Amino acid sequence: MAQAGKGRLNYRCPACFIRDLDIDMFFDQEKDEYYCLRCCYTGNEKDVLEKNQMARFRYRKILERITGFD
């Protein structure tokens, strides 16, 4: 088993982040992919960024106060 090492940037695991868990992913240089130690998610950098963008889209209004539903 490859030794876990941090990647170039600390990416959040998209599968855990959707469940409101803030888990950093690890980078496997041999396979050139990121993986999560908590769940079974693995993916390349492009896949991780796309899924994290989807989570940001889902929570884009979290800091705004909504006063009406017109």
PDB file of N, CA and C in Angstrom:
ATOM      1  N   MET A   1       0.845  -1.178   0.000  1.00  0.00           N
ATOM      2  CA  MET A   1       0.000   0.000   0.000  1.00  0.00           C
ATOM      3  C   MET A   1       0.888   1.237   0.000  1.00  0.00           C
ATOM      4  N   ALA A   2       0.530   2.198  -0.809  1.00  0.00           N
ATOM      5  CA  ALA A   2       1.303   3.437  -0.898  1.00  0.00           C
ATOM      6  C   ALA A   2       1.120   4.255   0.366  1.00  0.00           C
ATOM      7  N   GLN A   3       2.172   4.937   0.740  1.00  0.00           N
ATOM      8  CA  GLN A   3       2.099   5.794   1.919  1.00  0.00           C
ATOM      9  C   GLN A   3       1.307   7.042   1.591  1.00  0.00           C
ATOM     10  N   ALA A   4       0.432   7.422   2.493  1.00  0.00           N
ATOM     11  CA  ALA A   4      -0.420   8.600   2.286  1.00  0.00           C
ATOM     12  C   ALA A   4       0.421   9.865   2.391  1.00  0.00           C
ATOM     13  N   GLY A   5       0.235  10.764   1.450  1.00  0.00           N
ATOM     14  CA  GLY A   5       0.927  12.044   1.487  1.00  0.00           C
ATOM     15  C   GLY A   5       0.007  13.140   1.000  1.00  0.00           C
ATOM     16  N   LYS A   6       0.154  14.313   1.551  1.00  0.00           N
ATOM     17  CA  LYS A   6      -0.686  15.433   1.138  1.00  0.00           C
ATOM     18  C   LYS A   6      -0.382  15.821  -0.297  1.00  0.00           C
ATOM     19  N   GLY A   7      -1.391  16.240  -1.015  1.00  0.00           N
ATOM     20  CA  GLY A   7      -1.230  16.677  -2.393  1.00  0.00           C
ATOM     21  C   GLY A   7      -0.738  18.106  -2.465  1.00  0.00           C
ATOM     22  N   ARG A   8      -0.771  18.632  -3.653  1.00  0.00           N
ATOM     23  CA  ARG A   8      -0.314  20.005  -3.851  1.00  0.00           C
ATOM     24  C   ARG A   8      -1.193  20.993  -3.103  1.00  0.00           C
ATOM     25  N   LEU A   9      -2.484  20.786  -3.129  1.00  0.00           N
ATOM     26  CA  LEU A   9      -3.437  21.616  -2.398  1.00  0.00           C
ATOM     27  C   LEU A   9      -4.294  20.716  -1.533  1.00  0.00           C
ATOM     28  N   ASN A  10      -4.868  21.260  -0.496  1.00  0.00           N
ATOM     29  CA  ASN A  10      -5.770  20.487   0.343  1.00  0.00           C
ATOM     30  C   ASN A  10      -7.166  20.547  -0.258  1.00  0.00           C
ATOM     31  N   TYR A  11      -7.551  19.491  -0.943  1.00  0.00           N
ATOM     32  CA  TYR A  11      -8.897  19.397  -1.498  1.00  0.00           C
ATOM     33  C   TYR A  11      -9.792  18.692  -0.500  1.00  0.00           C
ATOM     34  N   ARG A  12     -11.050  19.125  -0.446  1.00  0.00           N
ATOM     35  CA  ARG A  12     -12.031  18.444   0.383  1.00  0.00           C
ATOM     36  C   ARG A  12     -12.585  17.254  -0.367  1.00  0.00           C
ATOM     37  N   CYS A  13     -12.905  16.215   0.357  1.00  0.00           N
ATOM     38  CA  CYS A  13     -13.553  15.059  -0.254  1.00  0.00           C
ATOM     39  C   CYS A  13     -14.985  15.460  -0.608  1.00  0.00           C
ATOM     40  N   PRO A  14     -15.377  15.371  -1.893  1.00  0.00           N
ATOM     41  CA  PRO A  14     -16.726  15.793  -2.271  1.00  0.00           C
ATOM     42  C   PRO A  14     -17.816  14.938  -1.645  1.00  0.00           C
ATOM     43  N   ALA A  15     -17.576  13.639  -1.509  1.00  0.00           N
ATOM     44  CA  ALA A  15     -18.591  12.757  -0.931  1.00  0.00           C
ATOM     45  C   ALA A  15     -18.824  13.091   0.542  1.00  0.00           C
ATOM     46  N   CYS A  16     -17.767  13.351   1.275  1.00  0.00           N
ATOM     47  CA  CYS A  16     -17.899  13.706   2.694  1.00  0.00           C
ATOM     48  C   CYS A  16     -18.434  15.126   2.855  1.00  0.00           C
ATOM     49  N   PHE A  17     -18.012  16.042   1.978  1.00  0.00           N
ATOM     50  CA  PHE A  17     -18.425  17.436   2.084  1.00  0.00           C
ATOM     51  C   PHE A  17     -19.927  17.592   1.879  1.00  0.00           C
ATOM     52  N   ILE A  18     -20.514  16.792   1.013  1.00  0.00           N
ATOM     53  CA  ILE A  18     -21.966  16.838   0.807  1.00  0.00           C
ATOM     54  C   ILE A  18     -22.691  16.420   2.080  1.00  0.00           C
ATOM     55  N   ARG A  19     -22.053  15.573   2.892  1.00  0.00           N
ATOM     56  CA  ARG A  19     -22.638  15.149   4.169  1.00  0.00           C
ATOM     57  C   ARG A  19     -22.164  16.022   5.327  1.00  0.00           C
ATOM     58  N   ASP A  20     -21.674  17.245   5.001  1.00  0.00           N
ATOM     59  CA  ASP A  20     -21.235  18.236   5.995  1.00  0.00           C
ATOM     60  C   ASP A  20     -20.052  17.766   6.829  1.00  0.00           C
ATOM     61  N   LEU A  21     -19.154  16.982   6.229  1.00  0.00           N
ATOM     62  CA  LEU A  21     -17.904  16.592   6.873  1.00  0.00           C
ATOM     63  C   LEU A  21     -16.764  17.231   6.101  1.00  0.00           C
ATOM     64  N   ASP A  22     -15.881  17.883   6.806  1.00  0.00           N
ATOM     65  CA  ASP A  22     -14.767  18.572   6.164  1.00  0.00           C
ATOM     66  C   ASP A  22     -13.513  17.698   6.271  1.00  0.00           C
ATOM     67  N   ILE A  23     -13.327  16.818   5.300  1.00  0.00           N
ATOM     68  CA  ILE A  23     -12.227  15.858   5.307  1.00  0.00           C
ATOM     69  C   ILE A  23     -11.277  16.189   4.162  1.00  0.00           C
ATOM     70  N   ASP A  24      -9.987  16.352   4.481  1.00  0.00           N
ATOM     71  CA  ASP A  24      -8.978  16.567   3.444  1.00  0.00           C
ATOM     72  C   ASP A  24      -8.675  15.263   2.728  1.00  0.00           C
ATOM     73  N   MET A  25      -8.384  15.381   1.441  1.00  0.00           N
ATOM     74  CA  MET A  25      -8.030  14.214   0.645  1.00  0.00           C
ATOM     75  C   MET A  25      -6.514  14.074   0.580  1.00  0.00           C
ATOM     76  N   PHE A  26      -6.057  12.881   0.296  1.00  0.00           N
ATOM     77  CA  PHE A  26      -4.639  12.594   0.141  1.00  0.00           C
ATOM     78  C   PHE A  26      -4.355  12.304  -1.321  1.00  0.00           C
ATOM     79  N   PHE A  27      -3.115  12.499  -1.733  1.00  0.00           N
ATOM     80  CA  PHE A  27      -2.721  12.325  -3.126  1.00  0.00           C
ATOM     81  C   PHE A  27      -1.790  11.126  -3.254  1.00  0.00           C
ATOM     82  N   ASP A  28      -2.101  10.238  -4.189  1.00  0.00           N
ATOM     83  CA  ASP A  28      -1.260   9.085  -4.487  1.00  0.00           C
ATOM     84  C   ASP A  28      -0.504   9.382  -5.772  1.00  0.00           C
ATOM     85  N   GLN A  29       0.806   9.592  -5.668  1.00  0.00           N
ATOM     86  CA  GLN A  29       1.602   9.972  -6.830  1.00  0.00           C
ATOM     87  C   GLN A  29       1.711   8.843  -7.842  1.00  0.00           C
ATOM     88  N   GLU A  30       1.714   7.608  -7.394  1.00  0.00           N
ATOM     89  CA  GLU A  30       1.829   6.471  -8.310  1.00  0.00           C
ATOM     90  C   GLU A  30       0.616   6.364  -9.229  1.00  0.00           C
ATOM     91  N   LYS A  31      -0.566   6.561  -8.671  1.00  0.00           N
ATOM     92  CA  LYS A  31      -1.801   6.462  -9.455  1.00  0.00           C
ATOM     93  C   LYS A  31      -2.261   7.804 -10.001  1.00  0.00           C
ATOM     94  N   ASP A  32      -1.630   8.901  -9.547  1.00  0.00           N
ATOM     95  CA  ASP A  32      -1.989  10.259  -9.944  1.00  0.00           C
ATOM     96  C   ASP A  32      -3.465  10.544  -9.666  1.00  0.00           C
ATOM     97  N   GLU A  33      -3.893  10.215  -8.436  1.00  0.00           N
ATOM     98  CA  GLU A  33      -5.279  10.455  -8.050  1.00  0.00           C
ATOM     99  C   GLU A  33      -5.352  10.798  -6.572  1.00  0.00           C
ATOM    100  N   TYR A  34      -6.455  11.435  -6.209  1.00  0.00           N
ATOM    101  CA  TYR A  34      -6.738  11.795  -4.829  1.00  0.00           C
ATOM    102  C   TYR A  34      -7.664  10.752  -4.229  1.00  0.00           C
ATOM    103  N   TYR A  35      -7.533  10.537  -2.923  1.00  0.00           N
ATOM    104  CA  TYR A  35      -8.402   9.581  -2.245  1.00  0.00           C
ATOM    105  C   TYR A  35      -8.706  10.062  -0.837  1.00  0.00           C
ATOM    106  N   CYS A  36      -9.830   9.586  -0.332  1.00  0.00           N
ATOM    107  CA  CYS A  36     -10.286   9.949   1.012  1.00  0.00           C
ATOM    108  C   CYS A  36     -10.046   8.767   1.949  1.00  0.00           C
ATOM    109  N   LEU A  37      -9.543   9.055   3.140  1.00  0.00           N
ATOM    110  CA  LEU A  37      -9.313   7.990   4.114  1.00  0.00           C
ATOM    111  C   LEU A  37     -10.591   7.579   4.830  1.00  0.00           C
ATOM    112  N   ARG A  38     -11.589   8.445   4.853  1.00  0.00           N
ATOM    113  CA  ARG A  38     -12.817   8.153   5.591  1.00  0.00           C
ATOM    114  C   ARG A  38     -13.828   7.348   4.776  1.00  0.00           C
ATOM    115  N   CYS A  39     -13.929   7.675   3.492  1.00  0.00           N
ATOM    116  CA  CYS A  39     -14.880   6.957   2.643  1.00  0.00           C
ATOM    117  C   CYS A  39     -14.121   6.325   1.471  1.00  0.00           C
ATOM    118  N   CYS A  40     -14.798   5.792   0.515  1.00  0.00           N
ATOM    119  CA  CYS A  40     -14.132   5.087  -0.577  1.00  0.00           C
ATOM    120  C   CYS A  40     -13.957   5.951  -1.827  1.00  0.00           C
ATOM    121  N   TYR A  41     -14.072   7.266  -1.720  1.00  0.00           N
ATOM    122  CA  TYR A  41     -13.988   8.129  -2.897  1.00  0.00           C
ATOM    123  C   TYR A  41     -12.550   8.247  -3.395  1.00  0.00           C
ATOM    124  N   THR A  42     -12.359   8.082  -4.706  1.00  0.00           N
ATOM    125  CA  THR A  42     -11.089   8.354  -5.370  1.00  0.00           C
ATOM    126  C   THR A  42     -11.394   9.083  -6.671  1.00  0.00           C
ATOM    127  N   GLY A  43     -10.456   9.912  -7.110  1.00  0.00           N
ATOM    128  CA  GLY A  43     -10.653  10.624  -8.369  1.00  0.00           C
ATOM    129  C   GLY A  43      -9.450  11.480  -8.711  1.00  0.00           C
ATOM    130  N   ASN A  44      -9.367  11.838  -9.978  1.00  0.00           N
ATOM    131  CA  ASN A  44      -8.274  12.717 -10.392  1.00  0.00           C
ATOM    132  C   ASN A  44      -8.617  14.159 -10.005  1.00  0.00           C
ATOM    133  N   GLU A  45      -7.681  15.059 -10.245  1.00  0.00           N
ATOM    134  CA  GLU A  45      -7.856  16.448  -9.809  1.00  0.00           C
ATOM    135  C   GLU A  45      -9.056  17.106 -10.487  1.00  0.00           C
ATOM    136  N   LYS A  46      -9.254  16.838 -11.755  1.00  0.00           N
ATOM    137  CA  LYS A  46     -10.378  17.431 -12.479  1.00  0.00           C
ATOM    138  C   LYS A  46     -11.712  16.975 -11.894  1.00  0.00           C
ATOM    139  N   ASP A  47     -11.826  15.695 -11.592  1.00  0.00           N
ATOM    140  CA  ASP A  47     -13.062  15.144 -11.033  1.00  0.00           C
ATOM    141  C   ASP A  47     -13.354  15.739  -9.655  1.00  0.00           C
ATOM    142  N   VAL A  48     -12.323  15.870  -8.834  1.00  0.00           N
ATOM    143  CA  VAL A  48     -12.493  16.439  -7.493  1.00  0.00           C
ATOM    144  C   VAL A  48     -12.955  17.892  -7.580  1.00  0.00           C
ATOM    145  N   LEU A  49     -12.333  18.670  -8.477  1.00  0.00           N
ATOM    146  CA  LEU A  49     -12.715  20.079  -8.621  1.00  0.00           C
ATOM    147  C   LEU A  49     -14.143  20.234  -9.135  1.00  0.00           C
ATOM    148  N   GLU A  50     -14.562  19.384 -10.078  1.00  0.00           N
ATOM    149  CA  GLU A  50     -15.936  19.454 -10.593  1.00  0.00           C
ATOM    150  C   GLU A  50     -16.949  19.156  -9.499  1.00  0.00           C
ATOM    151  N   LYS A  51     -16.707  18.145  -8.711  1.00  0.00           N
ATOM    152  CA  LYS A  51     -17.660  17.773  -7.663  1.00  0.00           C
ATOM    153  C   LYS A  51     -17.660  18.786  -6.519  1.00  0.00           C
ATOM    154  N   ASN A  52     -16.513  19.380  -6.218  1.00  0.00           N
ATOM    155  CA  ASN A  52     -16.498  20.435  -5.198  1.00  0.00           C
ATOM    156  C   ASN A  52     -17.215  21.684  -5.687  1.00  0.00           C
ATOM    157  N   GLN A  53     -17.144  21.973  -6.970  1.00  0.00           N
ATOM    158  CA  GLN A  53     -17.880  23.104  -7.534  1.00  0.00           C
ATOM    159  C   GLN A  53     -19.384  22.857  -7.433  1.00  0.00           C
ATOM    160  N   MET A  54     -19.801  21.607  -7.610  1.00  0.00           N
ATOM    161  CA  MET A  54     -21.213  21.255  -7.479  1.00  0.00           C
ATOM    162  C   MET A  54     -21.686  21.520  -6.042  1.00  0.00           C
ATOM    163  N   ALA A  55     -20.852  21.208  -5.061  1.00  0.00           N
ATOM    164  CA  ALA A  55     -21.221  21.460  -3.666  1.00  0.00           C
ATOM    165  C   ALA A  55     -21.287  22.966  -3.395  1.00  0.00           C
ATOM    166  N   ARG A  56     -20.381  23.737  -3.974  1.00  0.00           N
ATOM    167  CA  ARG A  56     -20.422  25.198  -3.809  1.00  0.00           C
ATOM    168  C   ARG A  56     -21.683  25.775  -4.428  1.00  0.00           C
ATOM    169  N   PHE A  57     -22.115  25.231  -5.566  1.00  0.00           N
ATOM    170  CA  PHE A  57     -23.349  25.675  -6.210  1.00  0.00           C
ATOM    171  C   PHE A  57     -24.544  25.385  -5.310  1.00  0.00           C
ATOM    172  N   ARG A  58     -24.524  24.251  -4.668  1.00  0.00           N
ATOM    173  CA  ARG A  58     -25.641  23.852  -3.813  1.00  0.00           C
ATOM    174  C   ARG A  58     -25.786  24.778  -2.606  1.00  0.00           C
ATOM    175  N   TYR A  59     -24.670  25.266  -2.067  1.00  0.00           N
ATOM    176  CA  TYR A  59     -24.695  26.097  -0.867  1.00  0.00           C
ATOM    177  C   TYR A  59     -24.347  27.554  -1.147  1.00  0.00           C
ATOM    178  N   ARG A  60     -24.594  28.046  -2.360  1.00  0.00           N
ATOM    179  CA  ARG A  60     -24.172  29.395  -2.746  1.00  0.00           C
ATOM    180  C   ARG A  60     -24.878  30.496  -1.971  1.00  0.00           C
ATOM    181  N   LYS A  61     -26.067  30.284  -1.471  1.00  0.00           N
ATOM    182  CA  LYS A  61     -26.837  31.316  -0.766  1.00  0.00           C
ATOM    183  C   LYS A  61     -26.787  31.148   0.752  1.00  0.00           C
ATOM    184  N   ILE A  62     -25.874  30.370   1.246  1.00  0.00           N
ATOM    185  CA  ILE A  62     -25.848  30.058   2.675  1.00  0.00           C
ATOM    186  C   ILE A  62     -25.552  31.295   3.530  1.00  0.00           C
ATOM    187  N   LEU A  63     -24.820  32.265   3.006  1.00  0.00           N
ATOM    188  CA  LEU A  63     -24.471  33.450   3.788  1.00  0.00           C
ATOM    189  C   LEU A  63     -25.419  34.622   3.559  1.00  0.00           C
ATOM    190  N   GLU A  64     -26.415  34.462   2.697  1.00  0.00           N
ATOM    191  CA  GLU A  64     -27.373  35.540   2.428  1.00  0.00           C
ATOM    192  C   GLU A  64     -28.645  35.322   3.227  1.00  0.00           C
ATOM    193  N   ARG A  65     -29.204  36.419   3.710  1.00  0.00           N
ATOM    194  CA  ARG A  65     -30.484  36.349   4.405  1.00  0.00           C
ATOM    195  C   ARG A  65     -31.607  36.469   3.375  1.00  0.00           C
ATOM    196  N   ILE A  66     -32.457  35.505   3.339  1.00  0.00           N
ATOM    197  CA  ILE A  66     -33.571  35.491   2.366  1.00  0.00           C
ATOM    198  C   ILE A  66     -34.817  35.965   3.101  1.00  0.00           C
ATOM    199  N   THR A  67     -35.389  37.045   2.591  1.00  0.00           N
ATOM    200  CA  THR A  67     -36.552  37.645   3.260  1.00  0.00           C
ATOM    201  C   THR A  67     -37.857  37.418   2.510  1.00  0.00           C
ATOM    202  N   GLY A  68     -37.766  37.013   1.258  1.00  0.00           N
ATOM    203  CA  GLY A  68     -38.997  36.776   0.497  1.00  0.00           C
ATOM    204  C   GLY A  68     -38.765  35.769  -0.613  1.00  0.00           C
ATOM    205  N   PHE A  69     -39.833  35.145  -1.006  1.00  0.00           N
ATOM    206  CA  PHE A  69     -39.764  34.137  -2.061  1.00  0.00           C
ATOM    207  C   PHE A  69     -40.589  34.581  -3.269  1.00  0.00           C
ATOM    208  N   ASP A  70     -40.265  35.744  -3.805  1.00  0.00           N
ATOM    209  CA  ASP A  70     -41.013  36.306  -4.933  1.00  0.00           C
ATOM    210  C   ASP A  70     -40.673  35.631  -6.216  1.00  0.00           C
TER     211      ASP A  70
END
